[in-house]
Protein backbone atom coordinates (compact mmCIF):
# COMPACT_ATOMS: atom_id res chain seq x y z
CA MET A 1 -3.66 2.47 -25.46
CA PHE A 2 -2.99 2.75 -21.65
CA PHE A 3 -0.18 1.22 -21.56
CA PHE A 4 1.90 3.35 -23.01
CA ASP A 5 0.76 5.98 -21.09
CA PRO A 6 3.47 8.08 -19.38
CA LEU A 7 1.53 8.71 -16.11
CA TYR A 8 1.48 4.35 -16.06
CA LEU A 9 5.08 4.33 -16.64
CA ILE A 10 5.62 5.86 -13.64
CA LEU A 11 3.11 5.27 -11.52
CA ALA A 12 1.96 1.87 -12.02
CA LEU A 13 4.68 0.07 -14.32
CA PRO A 14 7.57 0.22 -11.83
CA GLY A 15 6.06 -1.49 -9.26
CA LEU A 16 4.83 -4.45 -11.09
CA LEU A 17 7.85 -4.64 -12.72
CA LEU A 18 9.93 -4.60 -9.09
CA GLY A 19 7.26 -7.67 -8.49
CA LEU A 20 8.52 -9.59 -11.15
CA TRP A 21 12.11 -9.10 -9.86
CA ALA A 22 11.05 -10.05 -6.00
CA GLN A 23 9.47 -13.21 -7.78
CA ALA A 24 13.26 -14.37 -9.23
CA ARG A 25 14.90 -14.03 -5.98
CA VAL A 26 12.17 -15.93 -4.29
CA LYS A 27 12.84 -18.34 -6.76
CA GLY A 28 16.53 -18.68 -6.54
CA THR A 29 17.16 -18.20 -3.21
CA TYR A 30 14.52 -21.23 -2.72
CA SER A 31 16.41 -23.36 -5.14
CA ARG A 32 19.81 -22.72 -3.61
CA TYR A 33 18.59 -23.47 -0.03
CA ALA A 34 16.56 -26.46 -1.35
CA GLN A 35 19.97 -28.27 -2.03
CA VAL A 36 21.28 -27.60 1.28
CA ARG A 37 20.09 -30.67 3.51
CA THR A 38 19.47 -29.62 7.58
CA PHE A 39 21.43 -32.02 9.78
CA ARG A 40 18.41 -33.30 11.40
CA ASN A 41 16.90 -34.88 7.96
CA MET A 42 13.87 -33.68 9.20
CA THR A 43 11.50 -33.08 5.83
CA GLY A 44 9.03 -30.24 5.62
CA ALA A 45 6.36 -31.95 6.59
CA GLU A 46 8.48 -33.54 9.76
CA VAL A 47 9.14 -29.78 10.86
CA ALA A 48 5.80 -28.59 10.64
CA ARG A 49 4.30 -31.63 12.29
CA HIS A 50 6.80 -30.96 15.59
CA LEU A 51 6.54 -27.60 15.49
CA LEU A 52 2.39 -28.27 15.91
CA ASP A 53 3.02 -30.55 18.52
CA THR A 54 5.69 -28.60 20.51
CA GLU A 55 2.84 -25.66 20.73
CA GLY A 56 -0.20 -27.89 21.33
CA LEU A 57 -1.66 -27.34 17.72
CA TYR A 58 -2.44 -31.48 17.55
CA ASP A 59 -6.04 -30.30 16.03
CA VAL A 60 -3.99 -28.90 12.34
CA GLN A 61 -3.51 -31.50 10.32
CA VAL A 62 -0.28 -31.35 7.72
CA GLU A 63 -1.41 -32.23 4.03
CA GLU A 64 0.24 -32.30 0.66
CA THR A 65 -0.79 -29.97 -2.19
CA ARG A 66 -0.25 -29.35 -5.65
CA GLY A 67 1.90 -26.97 -7.34
CA PHE A 68 5.47 -25.00 -6.78
CA LEU A 69 5.61 -22.61 -3.84
CA SER A 70 2.05 -23.49 -2.98
CA ASP A 71 2.33 -23.78 0.72
CA HIS A 72 -0.19 -21.77 3.01
CA TYR A 73 -2.51 -22.43 5.66
CA ASP A 74 -6.15 -22.74 5.54
CA PRO A 75 -7.77 -21.03 8.42
CA ARG A 76 -11.51 -22.45 7.89
CA GLY A 77 -10.29 -26.06 7.19
CA ARG A 78 -7.22 -25.84 10.14
CA VAL A 79 -4.78 -27.58 7.68
CA LEU A 80 -1.38 -26.88 6.70
CA ARG A 81 -0.80 -27.40 2.87
CA LEU A 82 2.59 -27.62 2.02
CA SER A 83 4.43 -28.32 -2.01
CA PRO A 84 5.91 -31.17 -2.74
CA ASP A 85 8.99 -30.37 -3.00
CA VAL A 86 8.83 -28.75 0.85
CA TYR A 87 6.57 -31.51 2.07
CA HIS A 88 9.04 -34.32 0.76
CA THR A 89 12.77 -32.63 1.38
CA PRO A 90 14.33 -32.60 4.29
CA SER A 91 16.41 -29.08 2.98
CA VAL A 92 16.96 -25.64 4.57
CA ALA A 93 14.61 -23.60 2.59
CA ALA A 94 11.64 -26.36 3.05
CA ALA A 95 12.17 -26.29 7.06
CA GLY A 96 11.92 -22.16 6.64
CA ILE A 97 8.72 -22.63 4.38
CA ALA A 98 7.00 -25.02 6.93
CA ALA A 99 7.89 -23.29 9.82
CA HIS A 100 6.68 -20.10 8.28
CA GLU A 101 3.26 -21.57 7.89
CA MET A 102 3.29 -22.90 11.08
CA GLY A 103 3.59 -19.15 12.01
CA HIS A 104 0.05 -18.55 10.49
CA ALA A 105 -1.26 -21.76 12.27
CA MET A 106 -0.10 -20.11 15.45
CA GLN A 107 -1.47 -16.51 14.81
CA HIS A 108 -5.00 -18.36 13.77
CA ALA A 109 -5.28 -19.82 17.15
CA ASN A 110 -4.10 -16.29 18.62
CA ARG A 111 -6.56 -14.68 17.12
CA TYR A 112 -4.12 -12.65 15.14
CA THR A 113 -6.29 -9.54 14.53
CA PRO A 114 -4.04 -8.46 11.49
CA LEU A 115 -4.88 -12.42 9.85
CA GLN A 116 -8.15 -11.79 11.29
CA LEU A 117 -8.93 -8.78 9.43
CA ARG A 118 -7.72 -10.07 6.12
CA SER A 119 -9.52 -13.35 6.55
CA ALA A 120 -12.63 -11.28 6.77
CA ILE A 121 -12.27 -9.35 3.77
CA VAL A 122 -10.75 -12.01 1.35
CA PRO A 123 -14.71 -12.73 -0.28
CA ALA A 124 -14.87 -9.08 -0.97
CA VAL A 125 -11.16 -9.00 -2.43
CA GLN A 126 -11.41 -12.22 -4.91
CA PHE A 127 -14.70 -10.63 -5.91
CA GLY A 128 -13.31 -7.14 -6.32
CA SER A 129 -9.98 -7.77 -7.69
CA SER A 130 -10.92 -9.41 -11.21
CA LEU A 131 -13.98 -6.80 -11.38
CA ALA A 132 -12.27 -3.26 -10.84
CA PRO A 133 -10.25 -3.01 -13.70
CA ILE A 134 -13.35 -4.38 -15.81
CA LEU A 135 -15.60 -1.71 -14.12
CA PHE A 136 -13.36 1.14 -14.27
CA PHE A 137 -11.82 0.77 -17.68
CA VAL A 138 -15.61 0.25 -19.50
CA GLY A 139 -16.76 3.37 -16.93
CA PHE A 140 -13.38 5.50 -18.40
CA LEU A 141 -14.34 4.94 -21.94
CA LEU A 142 -17.84 5.17 -21.65
CA GLY A 143 -17.84 8.50 -19.96
CA PHE A 144 -19.57 6.36 -16.95
CA THR A 145 -18.20 8.18 -14.16
CA SER A 146 -19.74 6.49 -11.42
CA LEU A 147 -19.00 3.29 -12.72
CA ALA A 148 -15.29 3.66 -12.78
CA TRP A 149 -15.32 5.23 -9.58
CA LEU A 150 -16.73 1.64 -8.42
CA GLY A 151 -14.44 0.03 -9.88
CA VAL A 152 -11.02 2.37 -8.31
CA ILE A 153 -13.55 1.43 -4.56
CA LEU A 154 -13.25 -1.99 -5.56
CA PHE A 155 -9.63 -2.02 -6.60
CA ALA A 156 -9.02 -0.11 -3.39
CA LEU A 157 -10.21 -3.50 -0.93
CA ALA A 158 -7.09 -5.29 -2.82
CA VAL A 159 -4.77 -2.23 -2.02
CA VAL A 160 -5.94 -2.59 1.64
CA PHE A 161 -5.84 -6.65 1.46
CA SER A 162 -1.90 -6.13 0.41
CA LEU A 163 -1.36 -4.07 3.24
CA ILE A 164 -3.03 -5.95 5.95
CA THR A 165 -0.78 -8.74 4.42
CA LEU A 166 2.23 -6.97 5.42
CA PRO A 167 1.98 -7.75 8.99
CA VAL A 168 0.65 -11.06 8.72
CA GLU A 169 4.17 -12.30 6.71
CA PHE A 170 6.46 -10.40 8.74
CA ASP A 171 4.76 -11.41 11.84
CA ALA A 172 4.75 -15.31 10.78
CA SER A 173 7.94 -15.33 9.67
CA LYS A 174 9.21 -14.13 13.38
CA ARG A 175 7.37 -16.92 14.78
CA ALA A 176 8.93 -19.20 12.33
CA LYS A 177 12.64 -18.59 13.12
CA MET A 178 11.52 -18.09 17.23
CA LEU A 179 9.79 -21.71 16.82
CA LEU A 180 13.07 -23.17 14.81
CA ASN A 181 15.90 -21.39 17.40
CA ARG A 182 13.68 -22.44 20.31
CA ASN A 183 13.39 -26.09 19.30
CA GLY A 184 16.95 -26.98 18.10
CA LEU A 185 15.58 -28.24 14.82
CA LEU A 186 18.44 -26.33 12.59
CA MET A 187 21.83 -25.38 13.40
CA ALA A 188 23.40 -21.63 13.37
CA GLU A 189 24.39 -21.78 9.50
CA GLU A 190 21.19 -23.25 8.27
CA MET A 191 19.13 -20.51 10.15
CA LYS A 192 21.00 -18.25 8.25
CA GLY A 193 19.67 -20.03 5.18
CA VAL A 194 16.42 -20.23 6.41
CA ASP A 195 16.83 -15.82 7.18
CA LYS A 196 17.20 -15.54 3.08
CA VAL A 197 14.85 -17.63 2.25
CA LEU A 198 12.14 -15.99 4.20
CA ASP A 199 13.27 -12.67 4.13
CA ALA A 200 13.26 -12.92 -0.02
CA ALA A 201 9.45 -14.20 0.22
CA ALA A 202 8.75 -11.09 2.16
CA LEU A 203 9.87 -8.69 -0.31
CA THR A 204 7.06 -10.29 -2.78
CA TYR A 205 4.78 -9.11 -0.63
CA VAL A 206 6.27 -5.57 -0.16
CA THR A 207 6.67 -5.17 -3.98
CA ALA A 208 3.27 -6.43 -4.34
CA ALA A 209 1.89 -3.67 -1.76
CA VAL A 210 3.64 -1.28 -4.11
CA ALA A 211 2.28 -2.26 -7.29
CA ALA A 212 -1.15 -2.31 -5.88
CA ILE A 213 -0.87 1.29 -4.31
CA GLY A 214 0.75 3.04 -7.91
CA GLN A 215 -2.14 1.26 -9.68
CA LEU A 216 -4.60 2.78 -7.59
CA LEU A 217 -3.04 5.73 -7.87
CA TYR A 218 -2.99 5.79 -11.62
CA TYR A 219 -6.84 4.87 -11.66
CA VAL A 220 -7.81 7.81 -9.62
CA LEU A 221 -5.56 10.25 -10.99
CA LEU A 222 -6.78 9.46 -14.73
CA LEU A 223 -10.05 9.36 -13.67
CA GLY A 224 -9.75 12.37 -11.88
CA GLY A 225 -8.60 14.13 -15.08
CA ARG A 226 -5.18 15.03 -14.20
CA ARG A 227 -3.22 13.27 -17.28
CA GLU A 228 -0.23 15.81 -18.56
């Protein structure tokens, strides 16, 4: 099995395990600061609405969505969607996450180039990321080299997406901290909690990129016949 390939253990598995650790850290940090109420007692939805209005983004709606930490900004519908805990809770974690998503709304309004690039390749990535492993392993096992390389190329799009995501997410967090400070929505001690929540979230994107690069290298070296 490929899972037990030494090359896989060296290139791909460490990134995947690191990703699991990062996800656990995000949940732990979020759970900690979700229990810390802010002195203004504003829910995530109220923080998001306040910041949007302050920046003149009155046409961006704030909605509740299902799921745990499913928060995101939809540039197509100009909607900022917050998970139930973030939407309804007046916590440090909720404020930080809401402000982060507001950062994405600002990026969209300002035509932030990395965000535009990422949005442009989303359809191709969604199609390719699920199909790429199938094409690669079918082509590899059956000796259809061209099919296997097609799988590699499609997977490379997912790697590009993960790399573009890094500046997008880092910049959104930077904007979030700036907005919260400028509007005086949180105290200095509360901002330290926001830093920890957003830094933990940023780590997941870094580990995702590392894992994707490792997986891509595994495919290329395996197909190139350079296994030991």
